[in-house]
Amino acid sequence: MPGIIHEVLLMAIILLAISVVEAERLISAVLRYGLLGLVFTVVLIQLRAPDVALSAVVVGAIVTGLFLYTIREVGE
């Protein structure tokens, strides 16, 4: 059963990565990127790598925040 869940999560990562690249609006791309990071973190926890998952959460939060700040400052 964990193998099926793992495969579904990996397919979700692939589909989310494609949707980030294909997004029309920057805000939409950033939100999808945040969801991609969340799914990636779940995969890391499933693989029993909590230290790497914690690092991914911190880096993802910082990068997402910087993206949103930049979009707000520059304007879309």
Protein backbone atom coordinates (compact mmCIF):
# COMPACT_ATOMS: atom_id res chain seq x y z
CA MET A 1 0.00 0.00 0.00
CA PRO A 2 2.74 2.58 0.75
CA GLY A 3 4.15 1.93 -2.72
CA ILE A 4 0.92 3.03 -4.37
CA ILE A 5 0.77 6.19 -2.26
CA HIS A 6 4.39 6.93 -3.10
CA GLU A 7 3.73 6.55 -6.83
CA VAL A 8 0.66 8.80 -6.65
CA LEU A 9 2.65 11.48 -4.83
CA LEU A 10 5.45 11.30 -7.39
CA MET A 11 2.93 11.67 -10.23
CA ALA A 12 1.44 14.65 -8.38
CA ILE A 13 4.91 16.21 -8.20
CA ILE A 14 5.35 15.80 -11.96
CA LEU A 15 1.92 17.25 -12.73
CA LEU A 16 2.39 20.16 -10.33
CA ALA A 17 5.81 20.96 -11.81
CA ILE A 18 4.28 21.09 -15.28
CA SER A 19 1.42 23.27 -14.04
CA VAL A 20 3.89 25.70 -12.44
CA VAL A 21 5.70 26.14 -15.73
CA GLU A 22 2.47 26.47 -17.72
CA ALA A 23 0.76 28.94 -15.34
CA GLU A 24 -0.45 32.14 -16.98
CA ARG A 25 -0.22 34.40 -13.93
CA LEU A 26 2.76 34.73 -11.61
CA ILE A 27 0.68 34.51 -8.43
CA SER A 28 -0.88 31.28 -9.66
CA ALA A 29 2.56 29.87 -10.42
CA VAL A 30 3.85 30.76 -6.95
CA LEU A 31 0.85 29.15 -5.24
CA ARG A 32 1.30 26.01 -7.29
CA TYR A 33 4.99 26.06 -6.42
CA GLY A 34 4.07 26.18 -2.74
CA LEU A 35 1.78 23.18 -3.20
CA LEU A 36 4.58 21.39 -5.04
CA GLY A 37 6.88 21.99 -2.08
CA LEU A 38 4.24 20.61 0.28
CA VAL A 39 3.85 17.40 -1.72
CA PHE A 40 7.64 17.08 -1.93
CA THR A 41 7.84 17.41 1.85
CA VAL A 42 5.25 14.67 2.29
CA VAL A 43 7.32 12.41 0.03
CA LEU A 44 10.44 13.13 2.09
CA ILE A 45 8.61 12.30 5.31
CA GLN A 46 7.34 9.10 3.73
CA LEU A 47 10.93 8.22 2.83
CA ARG A 48 11.87 8.71 6.50
CA ALA A 49 14.03 11.78 5.96
CA PRO A 50 12.56 14.28 8.45
CA ASP A 51 15.70 16.43 8.58
CA VAL A 52 15.65 16.93 4.83
CA ALA A 53 11.89 17.54 4.93
CA LEU A 54 12.35 20.26 7.55
CA SER A 55 15.04 21.90 5.44
CA ALA A 56 12.74 21.75 2.39
CA VAL A 57 9.94 23.43 4.35
CA VAL A 58 12.20 26.26 5.51
CA VAL A 59 13.74 26.88 2.11
CA GLY A 60 10.35 26.62 0.39
CA ALA A 61 8.80 29.14 2.78
CA ILE A 62 11.63 31.62 2.27
CA VAL A 63 11.60 31.29 -1.50
CA THR A 64 7.80 31.55 -1.70
CA GLY A 65 7.88 34.64 0.48
CA LEU A 66 10.56 36.23 -1.69
CA PHE A 67 8.59 35.44 -4.84
CA LEU A 68 5.43 37.02 -3.43
CA TYR A 69 7.33 40.08 -2.20
CA THR A 70 9.00 40.54 -5.58
CA ILE A 71 5.72 40.19 -7.47
CA ARG A 72 4.11 42.78 -5.18
CA GLU A 73 6.98 45.25 -5.56
CA VAL A 74 7.45 44.91 -9.31
CA GLY A 75 3.81 44.46 -10.17
CA GLU A 76 2.47 41.89 -12.54
